[in-house]
Amino acid sequence: MSAAESLRCADCGYGIARTSPPERCPMCGGLHWTPLSTPQERERADQEASLHELHEMKLLSDLEFQIELAARASSAAAAG
């Protein structure tokens, strides 16, 4: 069995770790995946996946979810 690879949906940024990418992103239906090569990229993907889970469970409103994603994207761009 192959080792899991960390991937991010090119459309919405959803992060996963799998031996092969799914046909479609479970969050947005996107078809394209990009590999996450650095530990920082993988950590960001894990944090965003947690946000998506909270949003899916309705523990985070749509507005809170969008604000948090935007804040994380802004801080990631500033850092790197």
PDB file of N, CA and C in Angstrom:
ATOM      1  N   MET A   1       0.845  -1.185   0.000  1.00  0.00           N
ATOM      2  CA  MET A   1       0.000   0.000   0.000  1.00  0.00           C
ATOM      3  C   MET A   1       0.894   1.253   0.000  1.00  0.00           C
ATOM      4  N   SER A   2       0.522   2.238  -0.777  1.00  0.00           N
ATOM      5  CA  SER A   2       1.278   3.484  -0.875  1.00  0.00           C
ATOM      6  C   SER A   2       1.050   4.359   0.344  1.00  0.00           C
ATOM      7  N   ALA A   3       2.022   5.229   0.603  1.00  0.00           N
ATOM      8  CA  ALA A   3       1.883   6.189   1.695  1.00  0.00           C
ATOM      9  C   ALA A   3       0.875   7.267   1.305  1.00  0.00           C
ATOM     10  N   ALA A   4       0.174   7.794   2.288  1.00  0.00           N
ATOM     11  CA  ALA A   4      -0.806   8.855   2.033  1.00  0.00           C
ATOM     12  C   ALA A   4      -0.084  10.125   1.606  1.00  0.00           C
ATOM     13  N   GLU A   5      -0.689  10.826   0.672  1.00  0.00           N
ATOM     14  CA  GLU A   5      -0.159  12.092   0.189  1.00  0.00           C
ATOM     15  C   GLU A   5      -1.112  13.198   0.627  1.00  0.00           C
ATOM     16  N   SER A   6      -0.559  14.311   1.078  1.00  0.00           N
ATOM     17  CA  SER A   6      -1.382  15.456   1.463  1.00  0.00           C
ATOM     18  C   SER A   6      -1.722  16.254   0.212  1.00  0.00           C
ATOM     19  N   LEU A   7      -3.027  16.485   0.007  1.00  0.00           N
ATOM     20  CA  LEU A   7      -3.516  17.185  -1.177  1.00  0.00           C
ATOM     21  C   LEU A   7      -4.467  18.293  -0.767  1.00  0.00           C
ATOM     22  N   ARG A   8      -4.582  19.302  -1.625  1.00  0.00           N
ATOM     23  CA  ARG A   8      -5.503  20.414  -1.397  1.00  0.00           C
ATOM     24  C   ARG A   8      -6.323  20.611  -2.667  1.00  0.00           C
ATOM     25  N   CYS A   9      -7.637  20.825  -2.494  1.00  0.00           N
ATOM     26  CA  CYS A   9      -8.499  21.116  -3.633  1.00  0.00           C
ATOM     27  C   CYS A   9      -8.077  22.464  -4.221  1.00  0.00           C
ATOM     28  N   ALA A  10      -7.849  22.499  -5.517  1.00  0.00           N
ATOM     29  CA  ALA A  10      -7.416  23.730  -6.176  1.00  0.00           C
ATOM     30  C   ALA A  10      -8.529  24.775  -6.217  1.00  0.00           C
ATOM     31  N   ASP A  11      -9.786  24.353  -6.043  1.00  0.00           N
ATOM     32  CA  ASP A  11     -10.905  25.292  -6.116  1.00  0.00           C
ATOM     33  C   ASP A  11     -11.247  25.928  -4.770  1.00  0.00           C
ATOM     34  N   CYS A  12     -11.332  25.109  -3.717  1.00  0.00           N
ATOM     35  CA  CYS A  12     -11.780  25.661  -2.423  1.00  0.00           C
ATOM     36  C   CYS A  12     -10.727  25.574  -1.327  1.00  0.00           C
ATOM     37  N   GLY A  13      -9.634  24.831  -1.556  1.00  0.00           N
ATOM     38  CA  GLY A  13      -8.582  24.740  -0.555  1.00  0.00           C
ATOM     39  C   GLY A  13      -8.756  23.623   0.458  1.00  0.00           C
ATOM     40  N   TYR A  14      -9.793  22.819   0.319  1.00  0.00           N
ATOM     41  CA  TYR A  14     -10.024  21.715   1.250  1.00  0.00           C
ATOM     42  C   TYR A  14      -8.840  20.764   1.215  1.00  0.00           C
ATOM     43  N   GLY A  15      -8.340  20.380   2.372  1.00  0.00           N
ATOM     44  CA  GLY A  15      -7.178  19.511   2.452  1.00  0.00           C
ATOM     45  C   GLY A  15      -7.534  18.094   2.849  1.00  0.00           C
ATOM     46  N   ILE A  16      -6.841  17.131   2.255  1.00  0.00           N
ATOM     47  CA  ILE A  16      -7.038  15.723   2.564  1.00  0.00           C
ATOM     48  C   ILE A  16      -5.691  15.019   2.564  1.00  0.00           C
ATOM     49  N   ALA A  17      -5.658  13.823   3.124  1.00  0.00           N
ATOM     50  CA  ALA A  17      -4.476  12.955   3.028  1.00  0.00           C
ATOM     51  C   ALA A  17      -4.980  11.584   2.593  1.00  0.00           C
ATOM     52  N   ARG A  18      -4.566  11.175   1.397  1.00  0.00           N
ATOM     53  CA  ARG A  18      -5.015   9.902   0.833  1.00  0.00           C
ATOM     54  C   ARG A  18      -3.914   9.327  -0.050  1.00  0.00           C
ATOM     55  N   THR A  19      -4.033   8.044  -0.341  1.00  0.00           N
ATOM     56  CA  THR A  19      -3.071   7.418  -1.241  1.00  0.00           C
ATOM     57  C   THR A  19      -3.341   7.806  -2.686  1.00  0.00           C
ATOM     58  N   SER A  20      -4.576   8.192  -2.998  1.00  0.00           N
ATOM     59  CA  SER A  20      -4.915   8.705  -4.320  1.00  0.00           C
ATOM     60  C   SER A  20      -6.035   9.722  -4.153  1.00  0.00           C
ATOM     61  N   PRO A  21      -6.063  10.755  -4.988  1.00  0.00           N
ATOM     62  CA  PRO A  21      -7.090  11.788  -4.827  1.00  0.00           C
ATOM     63  C   PRO A  21      -8.478  11.258  -5.170  1.00  0.00           C
ATOM     64  N   PRO A  22      -9.507  11.760  -4.502  1.00  0.00           N
ATOM     65  CA  PRO A  22     -10.864  11.371  -4.875  1.00  0.00           C
ATOM     66  C   PRO A  22     -11.219  11.984  -6.228  1.00  0.00           C
ATOM     67  N   GLU A  23     -12.256  11.459  -6.842  1.00  0.00           N
ATOM     68  CA  GLU A  23     -12.669  11.991  -8.143  1.00  0.00           C
ATOM     69  C   GLU A  23     -13.094  13.446  -8.018  1.00  0.00           C
ATOM     70  N   ARG A  24     -13.836  13.773  -6.967  1.00  0.00           N
ATOM     71  CA  ARG A  24     -14.316  15.144  -6.739  1.00  0.00           C
ATOM     72  C   ARG A  24     -14.066  15.550  -5.292  1.00  0.00           C
ATOM     73  N   CYS A  25     -13.903  16.849  -5.082  1.00  0.00           N
ATOM     74  CA  CYS A  25     -13.764  17.379  -3.731  1.00  0.00           C
ATOM     75  C   CYS A  25     -15.099  17.202  -3.000  1.00  0.00           C
ATOM     76  N   PRO A  26     -15.080  16.681  -1.772  1.00  0.00           N
ATOM     77  CA  PRO A  26     -16.336  16.501  -1.041  1.00  0.00           C
ATOM     78  C   PRO A  26     -16.962  17.820  -0.579  1.00  0.00           C
ATOM     79  N   MET A  27     -16.189  18.901  -0.597  1.00  0.00           N
ATOM     80  CA  MET A  27     -16.726  20.190  -0.135  1.00  0.00           C
ATOM     81  C   MET A  27     -17.335  21.004  -1.262  1.00  0.00           C
ATOM     82  N   CYS A  28     -16.656  21.059  -2.424  1.00  0.00           N
ATOM     83  CA  CYS A  28     -17.130  21.942  -3.491  1.00  0.00           C
ATOM     84  C   CYS A  28     -17.377  21.240  -4.820  1.00  0.00           C
ATOM     85  N   GLY A  29     -16.991  19.977  -4.925  1.00  0.00           N
ATOM     86  CA  GLY A  29     -17.159  19.253  -6.176  1.00  0.00           C
ATOM     87  C   GLY A  29     -16.040  19.481  -7.182  1.00  0.00           C
ATOM     88  N   GLY A  30     -14.989  20.200  -6.752  1.00  0.00           N
ATOM     89  CA  GLY A  30     -13.858  20.473  -7.639  1.00  0.00           C
ATOM     90  C   GLY A  30     -13.186  19.194  -8.120  1.00  0.00           C
ATOM     91  N   LEU A  31     -12.513  19.299  -9.242  1.00  0.00           N
ATOM     92  CA  LEU A  31     -11.886  18.133  -9.875  1.00  0.00           C
ATOM     93  C   LEU A  31     -10.365  18.134  -9.806  1.00  0.00           C
ATOM     94  N   HIS A  32      -9.762  19.230  -9.359  1.00  0.00           N
ATOM     95  CA  HIS A  32      -8.306  19.364  -9.415  1.00  0.00           C
ATOM     96  C   HIS A  32      -7.702  19.423  -8.013  1.00  0.00           C
ATOM     97  N   TRP A  33      -6.611  18.689  -7.826  1.00  0.00           N
ATOM     98  CA  TRP A  33      -5.917  18.609  -6.545  1.00  0.00           C
ATOM     99  C   TRP A  33      -4.468  19.022  -6.716  1.00  0.00           C
ATOM    100  N   THR A  34      -3.925  19.724  -5.708  1.00  0.00           N
ATOM    101  CA  THR A  34      -2.513  20.080  -5.711  1.00  0.00           C
ATOM    102  C   THR A  34      -1.853  19.474  -4.479  1.00  0.00           C
ATOM    103  N   PRO A  35      -0.622  18.986  -4.619  1.00  0.00           N
ATOM    104  CA  PRO A  35       0.070  18.398  -3.467  1.00  0.00           C
ATOM    105  C   PRO A  35       0.507  19.475  -2.473  1.00  0.00           C
ATOM    106  N   LEU A  36       0.498  19.107  -1.211  1.00  0.00           N
ATOM    107  CA  LEU A  36       1.006  19.978  -0.140  1.00  0.00           C
ATOM    108  C   LEU A  36       2.379  19.451   0.224  1.00  0.00           C
ATOM    109  N   SER A  37       3.397  20.247  -0.053  1.00  0.00           N
ATOM    110  CA  SER A  37       4.747  19.729   0.089  1.00  0.00           C
ATOM    111  C   SER A  37       5.437  20.088   1.397  1.00  0.00           C
ATOM    112  N   THR A  38       5.065  21.198   2.019  1.00  0.00           N
ATOM    113  CA  THR A  38       5.768  21.603   3.241  1.00  0.00           C
ATOM    114  C   THR A  38       4.925  21.299   4.478  1.00  0.00           C
ATOM    115  N   PRO A  39       5.569  21.152   5.621  1.00  0.00           N
ATOM    116  CA  PRO A  39       4.814  20.945   6.860  1.00  0.00           C
ATOM    117  C   PRO A  39       3.844  22.097   7.144  1.00  0.00           C
ATOM    118  N   GLN A  40       4.231  23.323   6.785  1.00  0.00           N
ATOM    119  CA  GLN A  40       3.345  24.474   7.014  1.00  0.00           C
ATOM    120  C   GLN A  40       2.078  24.367   6.164  1.00  0.00           C
ATOM    121  N   GLU A  41       2.235  23.930   4.919  1.00  0.00           N
ATOM    122  CA  GLU A  41       1.068  23.745   4.053  1.00  0.00           C
ATOM    123  C   GLU A  41       0.150  22.659   4.600  1.00  0.00           C
ATOM    124  N   ARG A  42       0.746  21.584   5.080  1.00  0.00           N
ATOM    125  CA  ARG A  42      -0.064  20.492   5.643  1.00  0.00           C
ATOM    126  C   ARG A  42      -0.776  20.944   6.909  1.00  0.00           C
ATOM    127  N   GLU A  43      -0.106  21.712   7.761  1.00  0.00           N
ATOM    128  CA  GLU A  43      -0.725  22.226   8.995  1.00  0.00           C
ATOM    129  C   GLU A  43      -1.906  23.134   8.664  1.00  0.00           C
ATOM    130  N   ARG A  44      -1.722  24.034   7.695  1.00  0.00           N
ATOM    131  CA  ARG A  44      -2.823  24.915   7.275  1.00  0.00           C
ATOM    132  C   ARG A  44      -4.003  24.109   6.754  1.00  0.00           C
ATOM    133  N   ALA A  45      -3.718  23.077   5.964  1.00  0.00           N
ATOM    134  CA  ALA A  45      -4.787  22.234   5.421  1.00  0.00           C
ATOM    135  C   ALA A  45      -5.536  21.525   6.545  1.00  0.00           C
ATOM    136  N   ASP A  46      -4.808  21.041   7.550  1.00  0.00           N
ATOM    137  CA  ASP A  46      -5.453  20.389   8.696  1.00  0.00           C
ATOM    138  C   ASP A  46      -6.359  21.362   9.437  1.00  0.00           C
ATOM    139  N   GLN A  47      -5.882  22.590   9.645  1.00  0.00           N
ATOM    140  CA  GLN A  47      -6.685  23.594  10.333  1.00  0.00           C
ATOM    141  C   GLN A  47      -7.935  23.950   9.532  1.00  0.00           C
ATOM    142  N   GLU A  48      -7.785  24.083   8.221  1.00  0.00           N
ATOM    143  CA  GLU A  48      -8.931  24.401   7.383  1.00  0.00           C
ATOM    144  C   GLU A  48      -9.922  23.247   7.339  1.00  0.00           C
ATOM    145  N   ALA A  49      -9.428  22.019   7.352  1.00  0.00           N
ATOM    146  CA  ALA A  49     -10.320  20.859   7.382  1.00  0.00           C
ATOM    147  C   ALA A  49     -11.141  20.864   8.667  1.00  0.00           C
ATOM    148  N   SER A  50     -10.512  21.259   9.782  1.00  0.00           N
ATOM    149  CA  SER A  50     -11.246  21.361  11.049  1.00  0.00           C
ATOM    150  C   SER A  50     -12.337  22.416  10.959  1.00  0.00           C
ATOM    151  N   LEU A  51     -12.033  23.545  10.310  1.00  0.00           N
ATOM    152  CA  LEU A  51     -13.048  24.583  10.113  1.00  0.00           C
ATOM    153  C   LEU A  51     -14.207  24.060   9.283  1.00  0.00           C
ATOM    154  N   HIS A  52     -13.891  23.333   8.215  1.00  0.00           N
ATOM    155  CA  HIS A  52     -14.940  22.765   7.357  1.00  0.00           C
ATOM    156  C   HIS A  52     -15.820  21.801   8.156  1.00  0.00           C
ATOM    157  N   GLU A  53     -15.206  20.997   9.022  1.00  0.00           N
ATOM    158  CA  GLU A  53     -15.969  20.064   9.840  1.00  0.00           C
ATOM    159  C   GLU A  53     -16.904  20.804  10.789  1.00  0.00           C
ATOM    160  N   LEU A  54     -16.409  21.860  11.436  1.00  0.00           N
ATOM    161  CA  LEU A  54     -17.262  22.649  12.327  1.00  0.00           C
ATOM    162  C   LEU A  54     -18.417  23.282  11.561  1.00  0.00           C
ATOM    163  N   HIS A  55     -18.140  23.755  10.368  1.00  0.00           N
ATOM    164  CA  HIS A  55     -19.176  24.360   9.536  1.00  0.00           C
ATOM    165  C   HIS A  55     -20.209  23.316   9.126  1.00  0.00           C
ATOM    166  N   GLU A  56     -19.752  22.139   8.730  1.00  0.00           N
ATOM    167  CA  GLU A  56     -20.658  21.059   8.347  1.00  0.00           C
ATOM    168  C   GLU A  56     -21.559  20.634   9.511  1.00  0.00           C
ATOM    169  N   MET A  57     -21.025  20.646  10.734  1.00  0.00           N
ATOM    170  CA  MET A  57     -21.802  20.259  11.914  1.00  0.00           C
ATOM    171  C   MET A  57     -22.671  21.407  12.426  1.00  0.00           C
ATOM    172  N   LYS A  58     -22.651  22.529  11.711  1.00  0.00           N
ATOM    173  CA  LYS A  58     -23.441  23.716  12.061  1.00  0.00           C
ATOM    174  C   LYS A  58     -23.001  24.341  13.389  1.00  0.00           C
ATOM    175  N   LEU A  59     -21.729  24.121  13.766  1.00  0.00           N
ATOM    176  CA  LEU A  59     -21.178  24.743  14.963  1.00  0.00           C
ATOM    177  C   LEU A  59     -20.502  26.065  14.627  1.00  0.00           C
ATOM    178  N   LEU A  60     -20.434  26.359  13.334  1.00  0.00           N
ATOM    179  CA  LEU A  60     -19.829  27.589  12.853  1.00  0.00           C
ATOM    180  C   LEU A  60     -20.746  28.114  11.751  1.00  0.00           C
ATOM    181  N   SER A  61     -21.227  29.339  11.910  1.00  0.00           N
ATOM    182  CA  SER A  61     -22.145  29.907  10.920  1.00  0.00           C
ATOM    183  C   SER A  61     -21.430  30.154   9.599  1.00  0.00           C
ATOM    184  N   ASP A  62     -22.201  30.361   8.537  1.00  0.00           N
ATOM    185  CA  ASP A  62     -21.606  30.656   7.231  1.00  0.00           C
ATOM    186  C   ASP A  62     -20.701  31.875   7.305  1.00  0.00           C
ATOM    187  N   LEU A  63     -21.177  32.919   7.976  1.00  0.00           N
ATOM    188  CA  LEU A  63     -20.392  34.155   8.081  1.00  0.00           C
ATOM    189  C   LEU A  63     -19.111  33.924   8.886  1.00  0.00           C
ATOM    190  N   GLU A  64     -19.205  33.250  10.028  1.00  0.00           N
ATOM    191  CA  GLU A  64     -18.019  32.967  10.837  1.00  0.00           C
ATOM    192  C   GLU A  64     -17.008  32.137  10.043  1.00  0.00           C
ATOM    193  N   PHE A  65     -17.513  31.177   9.291  1.00  0.00           N
ATOM    194  CA  PHE A  65     -16.675  30.307   8.479  1.00  0.00           C
ATOM    195  C   PHE A  65     -15.916  31.120   7.425  1.00  0.00           C
ATOM    196  N   GLN A  66     -16.616  31.978   6.703  1.00  0.00           N
ATOM    197  CA  GLN A  66     -15.986  32.787   5.660  1.00  0.00           C
ATOM    198  C   GLN A  66     -14.971  33.770   6.250  1.00  0.00           C
ATOM    199  N   ILE A  67     -15.305  34.376   7.379  1.00  0.00           N
ATOM    200  CA  ILE A  67     -14.378  35.306   8.033  1.00  0.00           C
ATOM    201  C   ILE A  67     -13.107  34.583   8.465  1.00  0.00           C
ATOM    202  N   GLU A  68     -13.265  33.422   9.057  1.00  0.00           N
ATOM    203  CA  GLU A  68     -12.104  32.662   9.530  1.00  0.00           C
ATOM    204  C   GLU A  68     -11.235  32.205   8.364  1.00  0.00           C
ATOM    205  N   LEU A  69     -11.849  31.723   7.278  1.00  0.00           N
ATOM    206  CA  LEU A  69     -11.068  31.319   6.108  1.00  0.00           C
ATOM    207  C   LEU A  69     -10.303  32.496   5.518  1.00  0.00           C
ATOM    208  N   ALA A  70     -10.960  33.652   5.423  1.00  0.00           N
ATOM    209  CA  ALA A  70     -10.308  34.850   4.878  1.00  0.00           C
ATOM    210  C   ALA A  70      -9.146  35.285   5.769  1.00  0.00           C
ATOM    211  N   ALA A  71      -9.336  35.237   7.075  1.00  0.00           N
ATOM    212  CA  ALA A  71      -8.273  35.626   8.008  1.00  0.00           C
ATOM    213  C   ALA A  71      -7.073  34.688   7.883  1.00  0.00           C
ATOM    214  N   ARG A  72      -7.337  33.402   7.754  1.00  0.00           N
ATOM    215  CA  ARG A  72      -6.241  32.433   7.612  1.00  0.00           C
ATOM    216  C   ARG A  72      -5.510  32.633   6.288  1.00  0.00           C
ATOM    217  N   ALA A  73      -6.252  32.885   5.225  1.00  0.00           N
ATOM    218  CA  ALA A  73      -5.618  33.107   3.920  1.00  0.00           C
ATOM    219  C   ALA A  73      -4.757  34.356   3.953  1.00  0.00           C
ATOM    220  N   SER A  74      -5.246  35.400   4.615  1.00  0.00           N
ATOM    221  CA  SER A  74      -4.509  36.657   4.711  1.00  0.00           C
ATOM    222  C   SER A  74      -3.210  36.453   5.509  1.00  0.00           C
ATOM    223  N   SER A  75      -3.291  35.749   6.627  1.00  0.00           N
ATOM    224  CA  SER A  75      -2.090  35.554   7.439  1.00  0.00           C
ATOM    225  C   SER A  75      -1.104  34.620   6.730  1.00  0.00           C
ATOM    226  N   ALA A  76      -1.610  33.644   5.968  1.00  0.00           N
ATOM    227  CA  ALA A  76      -0.722  32.759   5.215  1.00  0.00           C
ATOM    228  C   ALA A  76       0.000  33.531   4.109  1.00  0.00           C
ATOM    229  N   ALA A  77      -0.704  34.445   3.455  1.00  0.00           N
ATOM    230  CA  ALA A  77      -0.084  35.240   2.399  1.00  0.00           C
ATOM    231  C   ALA A  77       0.975  36.174   2.983  1.00  0.00           C
ATOM    232  N   ALA A  78       0.711  36.732   4.154  1.00  0.00           N
ATOM    233  CA  ALA A  78       1.664  37.621   4.793  1.00  0.00           C
ATOM    234  C   ALA A  78       2.911  36.867   5.248  1.00  0.00           C
ATOM    235  N   ALA A  79       2.720  35.611   5.659  1.00  0.00           N
ATOM    236  CA  ALA A  79       3.836  34.811   6.164  1.00  0.00           C
ATOM    237  C   ALA A  79       4.706  34.246   5.045  1.00  0.00           C
ATOM    238  N   GLY A  80       4.112  34.139   3.867  1.00  0.00           N
ATOM    239  CA  GLY A  80       4.912  33.433   2.977  1.00  0.00           C
ATOM    240  C   GLY A  80       5.023  33.588   1.585  1.00  0.00           C
TER     241      GLY A  80
END
